[in-house]
Amino acid sequence: MSIYRRSPRALAATLEPLRGAWAPDTLLAEVQRIWQDVVGPAIAAEASPRAERGGVLSVRCSAAAWAQELDLMGPLIVARLNERLRRGQVTRLRCSAAR
């Protein structure tokens, strides 16, 4: 019996354990890691966290309609983020449309 795998496997599975060591230890990095789980794949495909300052999370949206929708959902998203964060707190979202 050979000790080598004959079929290739995804590189992501190999790199996953190292991701924590490579990622910066910042509130923004943590939010980026959990973003899709918190907002769901549909919103994550249209909006992504880009910056954080003083608890205000800047989110870049694919269109103005998405920015408006996330502004309305802001308190709910902030509450869900803060339930999952290990460090720091998000106080509000600042959403803008990509240009």
PDB file of N, CA and C in Angstrom:
ATOM      1  N   MET A   1       0.834  -1.163   0.000  1.00  0.00           N
ATOM      2  CA  MET A   1       0.000   0.000   0.000  1.00  0.00           C
ATOM      3  C   MET A   1       0.890   1.241   0.000  1.00  0.00           C
ATOM      4  N   SER A   2       0.553   2.180  -0.841  1.00  0.00           N
ATOM      5  CA  SER A   2       1.315   3.414  -0.961  1.00  0.00           C
ATOM      6  C   SER A   2       0.843   4.430   0.080  1.00  0.00           C
ATOM      7  N   ILE A   3       1.756   5.228   0.595  1.00  0.00           N
ATOM      8  CA  ILE A   3       1.398   6.254   1.572  1.00  0.00           C
ATOM      9  C   ILE A   3       1.019   7.565   0.877  1.00  0.00           C
ATOM     10  N   TYR A   4       1.185   7.626  -0.418  1.00  0.00           N
ATOM     11  CA  TYR A   4       0.889   8.848  -1.164  1.00  0.00           C
ATOM     12  C   TYR A   4      -0.528   8.813  -1.712  1.00  0.00           C
ATOM     13  N   ARG A   5      -1.172   9.949  -1.720  1.00  0.00           N
ATOM     14  CA  ARG A   5      -2.495  10.069  -2.336  1.00  0.00           C
ATOM     15  C   ARG A   5      -2.324  10.075  -3.835  1.00  0.00           C
ATOM     16  N   ARG A   6      -3.196   9.420  -4.516  1.00  0.00           N
ATOM     17  CA  ARG A   6      -3.120   9.391  -5.975  1.00  0.00           C
ATOM     18  C   ARG A   6      -3.952  10.490  -6.609  1.00  0.00           C
ATOM     19  N   SER A   7      -4.977  10.931  -5.925  1.00  0.00           N
ATOM     20  CA  SER A   7      -5.815  11.979  -6.507  1.00  0.00           C
ATOM     21  C   SER A   7      -5.461  13.322  -5.868  1.00  0.00           C
ATOM     22  N   PRO A   8      -5.549  14.385  -6.644  1.00  0.00           N
ATOM     23  CA  PRO A   8      -5.245  15.706  -6.074  1.00  0.00           C
ATOM     24  C   PRO A   8      -6.348  16.138  -5.107  1.00  0.00           C
ATOM     25  N   ARG A   9      -5.990  16.986  -4.186  1.00  0.00           N
ATOM     26  CA  ARG A   9      -6.990  17.546  -3.281  1.00  0.00           C
ATOM     27  C   ARG A   9      -6.860  19.065  -3.302  1.00  0.00           C
ATOM     28  N   ALA A  10      -7.895  19.700  -2.872  1.00  0.00           N
ATOM     29  CA  ALA A  10      -7.955  21.160  -2.932  1.00  0.00           C
ATOM     30  C   ALA A  10      -6.865  21.799  -2.066  1.00  0.00           C
ATOM     31  N   LEU A  11      -6.251  22.815  -2.601  1.00  0.00           N
ATOM     32  CA  LEU A  11      -5.220  23.544  -1.880  1.00  0.00           C
ATOM     33  C   LEU A  11      -5.808  24.246  -0.653  1.00  0.00           C
ATOM     34  N   ALA A  12      -7.062  24.664  -0.753  1.00  0.00           N
ATOM     35  CA  ALA A  12      -7.712  25.356   0.370  1.00  0.00           C
ATOM     36  C   ALA A  12      -7.726  24.502   1.631  1.00  0.00           C
ATOM     37  N   ALA A  13      -7.924  23.207   1.478  1.00  0.00           N
ATOM     38  CA  ALA A  13      -7.945  22.322   2.646  1.00  0.00           C
ATOM     39  C   ALA A  13      -6.587  22.290   3.343  1.00  0.00           C
ATOM     40  N   THR A  14      -5.536  22.397   2.576  1.00  0.00           N
ATOM     41  CA  THR A  14      -4.192  22.396   3.141  1.00  0.00           C
ATOM     42  C   THR A  14      -3.862  23.735   3.804  1.00  0.00           C
ATOM     43  N   LEU A  15      -4.318  24.817   3.197  1.00  0.00           N
ATOM     44  CA  LEU A  15      -3.982  26.152   3.700  1.00  0.00           C
ATOM     45  C   LEU A  15      -4.881  26.629   4.837  1.00  0.00           C
ATOM     46  N   GLU A  16      -6.055  26.050   4.992  1.00  0.00           N
ATOM     47  CA  GLU A  16      -7.014  26.493   5.999  1.00  0.00           C
ATOM     48  C   GLU A  16      -6.423  26.600   7.407  1.00  0.00           C
ATOM     49  N   PRO A  17      -5.672  25.604   7.887  1.00  0.00           N
ATOM     50  CA  PRO A  17      -5.110  25.718   9.244  1.00  0.00           C
ATOM     51  C   PRO A  17      -4.131  26.892   9.396  1.00  0.00           C
ATOM     52  N   LEU A  18      -3.540  27.342   8.294  1.00  0.00           N
ATOM     53  CA  LEU A  18      -2.566  28.429   8.358  1.00  0.00           C
ATOM     54  C   LEU A  18      -3.199  29.810   8.254  1.00  0.00           C
ATOM     55  N   ARG A  19      -4.455  29.878   7.832  1.00  0.00           N
ATOM     56  CA  ARG A  19      -5.095  31.164   7.602  1.00  0.00           C
ATOM     57  C   ARG A  19      -5.103  32.019   8.858  1.00  0.00           C
ATOM     58  N   GLY A  20      -5.376  31.433   9.995  1.00  0.00           N
ATOM     59  CA  GLY A  20      -5.386  32.191  11.239  1.00  0.00           C
ATOM     60  C   GLY A  20      -4.044  32.825  11.553  1.00  0.00           C
ATOM     61  N   ALA A  21      -2.978  32.131  11.221  1.00  0.00           N
ATOM     62  CA  ALA A  21      -1.637  32.655  11.479  1.00  0.00           C
ATOM     63  C   ALA A  21      -1.285  33.801  10.522  1.00  0.00           C
ATOM     64  N   TRP A  22      -1.816  33.770   9.317  1.00  0.00           N
ATOM     65  CA  TRP A  22      -1.500  34.796   8.311  1.00  0.00           C
ATOM     66  C   TRP A  22      -2.360  36.039   8.435  1.00  0.00           C
ATOM     67  N   ALA A  23      -3.587  35.883   8.889  1.00  0.00           N
ATOM     68  CA  ALA A  23      -4.519  37.009   8.936  1.00  0.00           C
ATOM     69  C   ALA A  23      -4.099  38.001  10.014  1.00  0.00           C
ATOM     70  N   PRO A  24      -4.226  39.290   9.735  1.00  0.00           N
ATOM     71  CA  PRO A  24      -3.908  40.271  10.771  1.00  0.00           C
ATOM     72  C   PRO A  24      -4.890  40.161  11.935  1.00  0.00           C
ATOM     73  N   ASP A  25      -4.444  40.536  13.107  1.00  0.00           N
ATOM     74  CA  ASP A  25      -5.276  40.459  14.305  1.00  0.00           C
ATOM     75  C   ASP A  25      -5.977  41.797  14.515  1.00  0.00           C
ATOM     76  N   THR A  26      -6.914  42.102  13.619  1.00  0.00           N
ATOM     77  CA  THR A  26      -7.655  43.361  13.695  1.00  0.00           C
ATOM     78  C   THR A  26      -9.154  43.069  13.667  1.00  0.00           C
ATOM     79  N   LEU A  27      -9.920  44.053  14.081  1.00  0.00           N
ATOM     80  CA  LEU A  27     -11.370  43.919  14.039  1.00  0.00           C
ATOM     81  C   LEU A  27     -11.840  43.736  12.598  1.00  0.00           C
ATOM     82  N   LEU A  28     -11.274  44.503  11.669  1.00  0.00           N
ATOM     83  CA  LEU A  28     -11.665  44.384  10.262  1.00  0.00           C
ATOM     84  C   LEU A  28     -11.397  42.981   9.726  1.00  0.00           C
ATOM     85  N   ALA A  29     -10.237  42.426  10.023  1.00  0.00           N
ATOM     86  CA  ALA A  29      -9.906  41.083   9.542  1.00  0.00           C
ATOM     87  C   ALA A  29     -10.883  40.051  10.090  1.00  0.00           C
ATOM     88  N   GLU A  30     -11.258  40.200  11.341  1.00  0.00           N
ATOM     89  CA  GLU A  30     -12.210  39.256  11.925  1.00  0.00           C
ATOM     90  C   GLU A  30     -13.585  39.400  11.279  1.00  0.00           C
ATOM     91  N   VAL A  31     -14.018  40.642  11.057  1.00  0.00           N
ATOM     92  CA  VAL A  31     -15.301  40.863  10.391  1.00  0.00           C
ATOM     93  C   VAL A  31     -15.270  40.255   8.980  1.00  0.00           C
ATOM     94  N   GLN A  32     -14.180  40.462   8.260  1.00  0.00           N
ATOM     95  CA  GLN A  32     -14.077  39.903   6.906  1.00  0.00           C
ATOM     96  C   GLN A  32     -14.153  38.379   6.922  1.00  0.00           C
ATOM     97  N   ARG A  33     -13.591  37.750   7.942  1.00  0.00           N
ATOM     98  CA  ARG A  33     -13.642  36.288   8.030  1.00  0.00           C
ATOM     99  C   ARG A  33     -15.057  35.765   8.265  1.00  0.00           C
ATOM    100  N   ILE A  34     -15.879  36.485   9.030  1.00  0.00           N
ATOM    101  CA  ILE A  34     -17.205  35.988   9.381  1.00  0.00           C
ATOM    102  C   ILE A  34     -18.322  36.620   8.550  1.00  0.00           C
ATOM    103  N   TRP A  35     -18.005  37.564   7.693  1.00  0.00           N
ATOM    104  CA  TRP A  35     -18.996  38.350   6.964  1.00  0.00           C
ATOM    105  C   TRP A  35     -20.040  37.481   6.247  1.00  0.00           C
ATOM    106  N   GLN A  36     -19.601  36.550   5.428  1.00  0.00           N
ATOM    107  CA  GLN A  36     -20.556  35.745   4.661  1.00  0.00           C
ATOM    108  C   GLN A  36     -21.461  34.923   5.575  1.00  0.00           C
ATOM    109  N   ASP A  37     -20.922  34.382   6.638  1.00  0.00           N
ATOM    110  CA  ASP A  37     -21.757  33.622   7.580  1.00  0.00           C
ATOM    111  C   ASP A  37     -22.809  34.505   8.241  1.00  0.00           C
ATOM    112  N   VAL A  38     -22.469  35.754   8.499  1.00  0.00           N
ATOM    113  CA  VAL A  38     -23.380  36.659   9.188  1.00  0.00           C
ATOM    114  C   VAL A  38     -24.470  37.195   8.255  1.00  0.00           C
ATOM    115  N   VAL A  39     -24.075  37.623   7.044  1.00  0.00           N
ATOM    116  CA  VAL A  39     -25.045  38.263   6.145  1.00  0.00           C
ATOM    117  C   VAL A  39     -25.641  37.313   5.120  1.00  0.00           C
ATOM    118  N   GLY A  40     -25.026  36.158   4.920  1.00  0.00           N
ATOM    119  CA  GLY A  40     -25.515  35.215   3.922  1.00  0.00           C
ATOM    120  C   GLY A  40     -24.838  35.425   2.576  1.00  0.00           C
ATOM    121  N   PRO A  41     -24.875  34.405   1.718  1.00  0.00           N
ATOM    122  CA  PRO A  41     -24.153  34.470   0.449  1.00  0.00           C
ATOM    123  C   PRO A  41     -24.692  35.510  -0.531  1.00  0.00           C
ATOM    124  N   ALA A  42     -25.987  35.775  -0.524  1.00  0.00           N
ATOM    125  CA  ALA A  42     -26.556  36.741  -1.471  1.00  0.00           C
ATOM    126  C   ALA A  42     -26.041  38.155  -1.189  1.00  0.00           C
ATOM    127  N   ILE A  43     -26.070  38.554   0.073  1.00  0.00           N
ATOM    128  CA  ILE A  43     -25.573  39.883   0.430  1.00  0.00           C
ATOM    129  C   ILE A  43     -24.051  39.939   0.290  1.00  0.00           C
ATOM    130  N   ALA A  44     -23.370  38.895   0.710  1.00  0.00           N
ATOM    131  CA  ALA A  44     -21.903  38.871   0.623  1.00  0.00           C
ATOM    132  C   ALA A  44     -21.421  38.996  -0.818  1.00  0.00           C
ATOM    133  N   ALA A  45     -22.224  38.528  -1.771  1.00  0.00           N
ATOM    134  CA  ALA A  45     -21.848  38.651  -3.189  1.00  0.00           C
ATOM    135  C   ALA A  45     -21.956  40.096  -3.667  1.00  0.00           C
ATOM    136  N   GLU A  46     -22.739  40.905  -2.970  1.00  0.00           N
ATOM    137  CA  GLU A  46     -22.989  42.287  -3.390  1.00  0.00           C
ATOM    138  C   GLU A  46     -22.330  43.342  -2.506  1.00  0.00           C
ATOM    139  N   ALA A  47     -21.860  42.949  -1.332  1.00  0.00           N
ATOM    140  CA  ALA A  47     -21.313  43.921  -0.390  1.00  0.00           C
ATOM    141  C   ALA A  47     -20.193  43.287   0.425  1.00  0.00           C
ATOM    142  N   SER A  48     -19.146  44.075   0.681  1.00  0.00           N
ATOM    143  CA  SER A  48     -18.040  43.547   1.475  1.00  0.00           C
ATOM    144  C   SER A  48     -17.443  44.639   2.359  1.00  0.00           C
ATOM    145  N   PRO A  49     -17.031  44.255   3.574  1.00  0.00           N
ATOM    146  CA  PRO A  49     -16.409  45.219   4.481  1.00  0.00           C
ATOM    147  C   PRO A  49     -15.029  45.615   3.966  1.00  0.00           C
ATOM    148  N   ARG A  50     -14.766  46.918   3.938  1.00  0.00           N
ATOM    149  CA  ARG A  50     -13.505  47.419   3.382  1.00  0.00           C
ATOM    150  C   ARG A  50     -12.618  48.131   4.386  1.00  0.00           C
ATOM    151  N   ALA A  51     -13.222  48.707   5.424  1.00  0.00           N
ATOM    152  CA  ALA A  51     -12.430  49.448   6.412  1.00  0.00           C
ATOM    153  C   ALA A  51     -13.205  49.501   7.719  1.00  0.00           C
ATOM    154  N   GLU A  52     -12.463  49.793   8.798  1.00  0.00           N
ATOM    155  CA  GLU A  52     -13.075  49.961  10.117  1.00  0.00           C
ATOM    156  C   GLU A  52     -12.299  51.032  10.847  1.00  0.00           C
ATOM    157  N   ARG A  53     -13.047  51.933  11.454  1.00  0.00           N
ATOM    158  CA  ARG A  53     -12.393  52.969  12.255  1.00  0.00           C
ATOM    159  C   ARG A  53     -13.313  53.340  13.399  1.00  0.00           C
ATOM    160  N   GLY A  54     -12.825  53.175  14.604  1.00  0.00           N
ATOM    161  CA  GLY A  54     -13.599  53.528  15.783  1.00  0.00           C
ATOM    162  C   GLY A  54     -14.915  52.781  15.891  1.00  0.00           C
ATOM    163  N   GLY A  55     -14.950  51.564  15.400  1.00  0.00           N
ATOM    164  CA  GLY A  55     -16.164  50.762  15.469  1.00  0.00           C
ATOM    165  C   GLY A  55     -17.105  50.938  14.293  1.00  0.00           C
ATOM    166  N   VAL A  56     -16.842  51.906  13.430  1.00  0.00           N
ATOM    167  CA  VAL A  56     -17.669  52.139  12.247  1.00  0.00           C
ATOM    168  C   VAL A  56     -17.108  51.302  11.106  1.00  0.00           C
ATOM    169  N   LEU A  57     -17.934  50.401  10.598  1.00  0.00           N
ATOM    170  CA  LEU A  57     -17.522  49.482   9.549  1.00  0.00           C
ATOM    171  C   LEU A  57     -17.959  50.032   8.197  1.00  0.00           C
ATOM    172  N   SER A  58     -16.995  50.315   7.323  1.00  0.00           N
ATOM    173  CA  SER A  58     -17.292  50.783   5.970  1.00  0.00           C
ATOM    174  C   SER A  58     -17.499  49.577   5.066  1.00  0.00           C
ATOM    175  N   VAL A  59     -18.645  49.568   4.393  1.00  0.00           N
ATOM    176  CA  VAL A  59     -19.021  48.457   3.531  1.00  0.00           C
ATOM    177  C   VAL A  59     -19.194  48.971   2.116  1.00  0.00           C
ATOM    178  N   ARG A  60     -18.496  48.357   1.180  1.00  0.00           N
ATOM    179  CA  ARG A  60     -18.617  48.728  -0.233  1.00  0.00           C
ATOM    180  C   ARG A  60     -19.651  47.830  -0.880  1.00  0.00           C
ATOM    181  N   CYS A  61     -20.645  48.437  -1.512  1.00  0.00           N
ATOM    182  CA  CYS A  61     -21.744  47.706  -2.136  1.00  0.00           C
ATOM    183  C   CYS A  61     -21.650  47.838  -3.657  1.00  0.00           C
ATOM    184  N   SER A  62     -22.183  46.856  -4.355  1.00  0.00           N
ATOM    185  CA  SER A  62     -22.101  46.835  -5.816  1.00  0.00           C
ATOM    186  C   SER A  62     -22.990  47.887  -6.470  1.00  0.00           C
ATOM    187  N   ALA A  63     -24.011  48.371  -5.772  1.00  0.00           N
ATOM    188  CA  ALA A  63     -24.924  49.368  -6.328  1.00  0.00           C
ATOM    189  C   ALA A  63     -25.539  50.187  -5.194  1.00  0.00           C
ATOM    190  N   ALA A  64     -26.062  51.348  -5.558  1.00  0.00           N
ATOM    191  CA  ALA A  64     -26.675  52.224  -4.563  1.00  0.00           C
ATOM    192  C   ALA A  64     -27.862  51.551  -3.873  1.00  0.00           C
ATOM    193  N   ALA A  65     -28.600  50.741  -4.608  1.00  0.00           N
ATOM    194  CA  ALA A  65     -29.741  50.047  -4.007  1.00  0.00           C
ATOM    195  C   ALA A  65     -29.289  49.105  -2.894  1.00  0.00           C
ATOM    196  N   TRP A  66     -28.154  48.432  -3.103  1.00  0.00           N
ATOM    197  CA  TRP A  66     -27.624  47.549  -2.052  1.00  0.00           C
ATOM    198  C   TRP A  66     -27.149  48.363  -0.857  1.00  0.00           C
ATOM    199  N   ALA A  67     -26.525  49.511  -1.101  1.00  0.00           N
ATOM    200  CA  ALA A  67     -26.070  50.363   0.001  1.00  0.00           C
ATOM    201  C   ALA A  67     -27.264  50.834   0.834  1.00  0.00           C
ATOM    202  N   GLN A  68     -28.346  51.216   0.166  1.00  0.00           N
ATOM    203  CA  GLN A  68     -29.546  51.655   0.880  1.00  0.00           C
ATOM    204  C   GLN A  68     -30.153  50.508   1.685  1.00  0.00           C
ATOM    205  N   GLU A  69     -30.213  49.323   1.082  1.00  0.00           N
ATOM    206  CA  GLU A  69     -30.775  48.163   1.773  1.00  0.00           C
ATOM    207  C   GLU A  69     -29.950  47.815   3.014  1.00  0.00           C
ATOM    208  N   LEU A  70     -28.623  47.832   2.887  1.00  0.00           N
ATOM    209  CA  LEU A  70     -27.785  47.514   4.043  1.00  0.00           C
ATOM    210  C   LEU A  70     -27.857  48.599   5.113  1.00  0.00           C
ATOM    211  N   ASP A  71     -28.052  49.853   4.706  1.00  0.00           N
ATOM    212  CA  ASP A  71     -28.279  50.909   5.707  1.00  0.00           C
ATOM    213  C   ASP A  71     -29.506  50.590   6.545  1.00  0.00           C
ATOM    214  N   LEU A  72     -30.570  50.132   5.882  1.00  0.00           N
ATOM    215  CA  LEU A  72     -31.799  49.781   6.591  1.00  0.00           C
ATOM    216  C   LEU A  72     -31.605  48.560   7.490  1.00  0.00           C
ATOM    217  N   MET A  73     -30.795  47.617   7.037  1.00  0.00           N
ATOM    218  CA  MET A  73     -30.536  46.390   7.798  1.00  0.00           C
ATOM    219  C   MET A  73     -29.402  46.568   8.802  1.00  0.00           C
ATOM    220  N   GLY A  74     -28.780  47.731   8.832  1.00  0.00           N
ATOM    221  CA  GLY A  74     -27.604  47.985   9.645  1.00  0.00           C
ATOM    222  C   GLY A  74     -27.683  47.518  11.088  1.00  0.00           C
ATOM    223  N   PRO A  75     -28.712  47.916  11.835  1.00  0.00           N
ATOM    224  CA  PRO A  75     -28.769  47.486  13.239  1.00  0.00           C
ATOM    225  C   PRO A  75     -28.798  45.961  13.404  1.00  0.00           C
ATOM    226  N   LEU A  76     -29.508  45.275  12.538  1.00  0.00           N
ATOM    227  CA  LEU A  76     -29.560  43.815  12.606  1.00  0.00           C
ATOM    228  C   LEU A  76     -28.195  43.199  12.289  1.00  0.00           C
ATOM    229  N   ILE A  77     -27.541  43.691  11.246  1.00  0.00           N
ATOM    230  CA  ILE A  77     -26.222  43.168  10.862  1.00  0.00           C
ATOM    231  C   ILE A  77     -25.208  43.441  11.967  1.00  0.00           C
ATOM    232  N   VAL A  78     -25.234  44.646  12.529  1.00  0.00           N
ATOM    233  CA  VAL A  78     -24.307  44.997  13.618  1.00  0.00           C
ATOM    234  C   VAL A  78     -24.518  44.064  14.807  1.00  0.00           C
ATOM    235  N   ALA A  79     -25.762  43.812  15.165  1.00  0.00           N
ATOM    236  CA  ALA A  79     -26.044  42.909  16.294  1.00  0.00           C
ATOM    237  C   ALA A  79     -25.522  41.507  16.014  1.00  0.00           C
ATOM    238  N   ARG A  80     -25.732  41.009  14.802  1.00  0.00           N
ATOM    239  CA  ARG A  80     -25.251  39.665  14.448  1.00  0.00           C
ATOM    240  C   ARG A  80     -23.725  39.600  14.441  1.00  0.00           C
ATOM    241  N   LEU A  81     -23.088  40.642  13.920  1.00  0.00           N
ATOM    242  CA  LEU A  81     -21.624  40.676  13.925  1.00  0.00           C
ATOM    243  C   LEU A  81     -21.101  40.638  15.361  1.00  0.00           C
ATOM    244  N   ASN A  82     -21.654  41.492  16.207  1.00  0.00           N
ATOM    245  CA  ASN A  82     -21.161  41.592  17.579  1.00  0.00           C
ATOM    246  C   ASN A  82     -21.369  40.314  18.383  1.00  0.00           C
ATOM    247  N   GLU A  83     -22.387  39.533  18.036  1.00  0.00           N
ATOM    248  CA  GLU A  83     -22.581  38.230  18.693  1.00  0.00           C
ATOM    249  C   GLU A  83     -21.441  37.278  18.381  1.00  0.00           C
ATOM    250  N   ARG A  84     -20.849  37.418  17.190  1.00  0.00           N
ATOM    251  CA  ARG A  84     -19.816  36.484  16.736  1.00  0.00           C
ATOM    252  C   ARG A  84     -18.384  36.977  16.951  1.00  0.00           C
ATOM    253  N   LEU A  85     -18.208  38.256  17.169  1.00  0.00           N
ATOM    254  CA  LEU A  85     -16.849  38.804  17.281  1.00  0.00           C
ATOM    255  C   LEU A  85     -16.201  38.411  18.599  1.00  0.00           C
ATOM    256  N   ARG A  86     -14.929  38.095  18.528  1.00  0.00           N
ATOM    257  CA  ARG A  86     -14.140  37.771  19.716  1.00  0.00           C
ATOM    258  C   ARG A  86     -13.472  39.013  20.282  1.00  0.00           C
ATOM    259  N   ARG A  87     -13.219  39.982  19.419  1.00  0.00           N
ATOM    260  CA  ARG A  87     -12.517  41.180  19.856  1.00  0.00           C
ATOM    261  C   ARG A  87     -13.221  42.406  19.297  1.00  0.00           C
ATOM    262  N   GLY A  88     -13.322  43.429  20.087  1.00  0.00           N
ATOM    263  CA  GLY A  88     -13.909  44.683  19.629  1.00  0.00           C
ATOM    264  C   GLY A  88     -15.392  44.598  19.333  1.00  0.00           C
ATOM    265  N   GLN A  89     -15.939  45.716  18.978  1.00  0.00           N
ATOM    266  CA  GLN A  89     -17.353  45.805  18.662  1.00  0.00           C
ATOM    267  C   GLN A  89     -17.550  46.731  17.470  1.00  0.00           C
ATOM    268  N   VAL A  90     -18.533  46.398  16.661  1.00  0.00           N
ATOM    269  CA  VAL A  90     -18.945  47.265  15.569  1.00  0.00           C
ATOM    270  C   VAL A  90     -20.103  48.103  16.106  1.00  0.00           C
ATOM    271  N   THR A  91     -20.042  49.425  15.910  1.00  0.00           N
ATOM    272  CA  THR A  91     -21.109  50.295  16.412  1.00  0.00           C
ATOM    273  C   THR A  91     -22.129  50.629  15.330  1.00  0.00           C
ATOM    274  N   ARG A  92     -21.668  50.707  14.086  1.00  0.00           N
ATOM    275  CA  ARG A  92     -22.591  50.974  12.984  1.00  0.00           C
ATOM    276  C   ARG A  92     -21.930  50.669  11.650  1.00  0.00           C
ATOM    277  N   LEU A  93     -22.764  50.577  10.609  1.00  0.00           N
ATOM    278  CA  LEU A  93     -22.285  50.380   9.241  1.00  0.00           C
ATOM    279  C   LEU A  93     -22.308  51.706   8.498  1.00  0.00           C
ATOM    280  N   ARG A  94     -21.357  51.897   7.621  1.00  0.00           N
ATOM    281  CA  ARG A  94     -21.355  53.025   6.698  1.00  0.00           C
ATOM    282  C   ARG A  94     -21.266  52.423   5.296  1.00  0.00           C
ATOM    283  N   CYS A  95     -22.370  52.429   4.587  1.00  0.00           N
ATOM    284  CA  CYS A  95     -22.442  51.746   3.297  1.00  0.00           C
ATOM    285  C   CYS A  95     -22.327  52.735   2.152  1.00  0.00           C
ATOM    286  N   SER A  96     -21.585  52.350   1.127  1.00  0.00           N
ATOM    287  CA  SER A  96     -21.461  53.181  -0.057  1.00  0.00           C
ATOM    288  C   SER A  96     -21.419  52.282  -1.289  1.00  0.00           C
ATOM    289  N   ALA A  97     -21.842  52.863  -2.398  1.00  0.00           N
ATOM    290  CA  ALA A  97     -21.855  52.109  -3.659  1.00  0.00           C
ATOM    291  C   ALA A  97     -20.494  52.240  -4.331  1.00  0.00           C
ATOM    292  N   ALA A  98     -20.056  51.165  -4.972  1.00  0.00           N
ATOM    293  CA  ALA A  98     -18.805  51.179  -5.727  1.00  0.00           C
ATOM    294  C   ALA A  98     -18.971  52.099  -6.915  1.00  0.00           C
ATOM    295  N   ARG A  99     -17.910  52.736  -7.300  1.00  0.00           N
ATOM    296  CA  ARG A  99     -17.986  53.659  -8.444  1.00  0.00           C
ATOM    297  C   ARG A  99     -17.430  53.045  -9.674  1.00  0.00           C
TER     298      ARG A  99
END
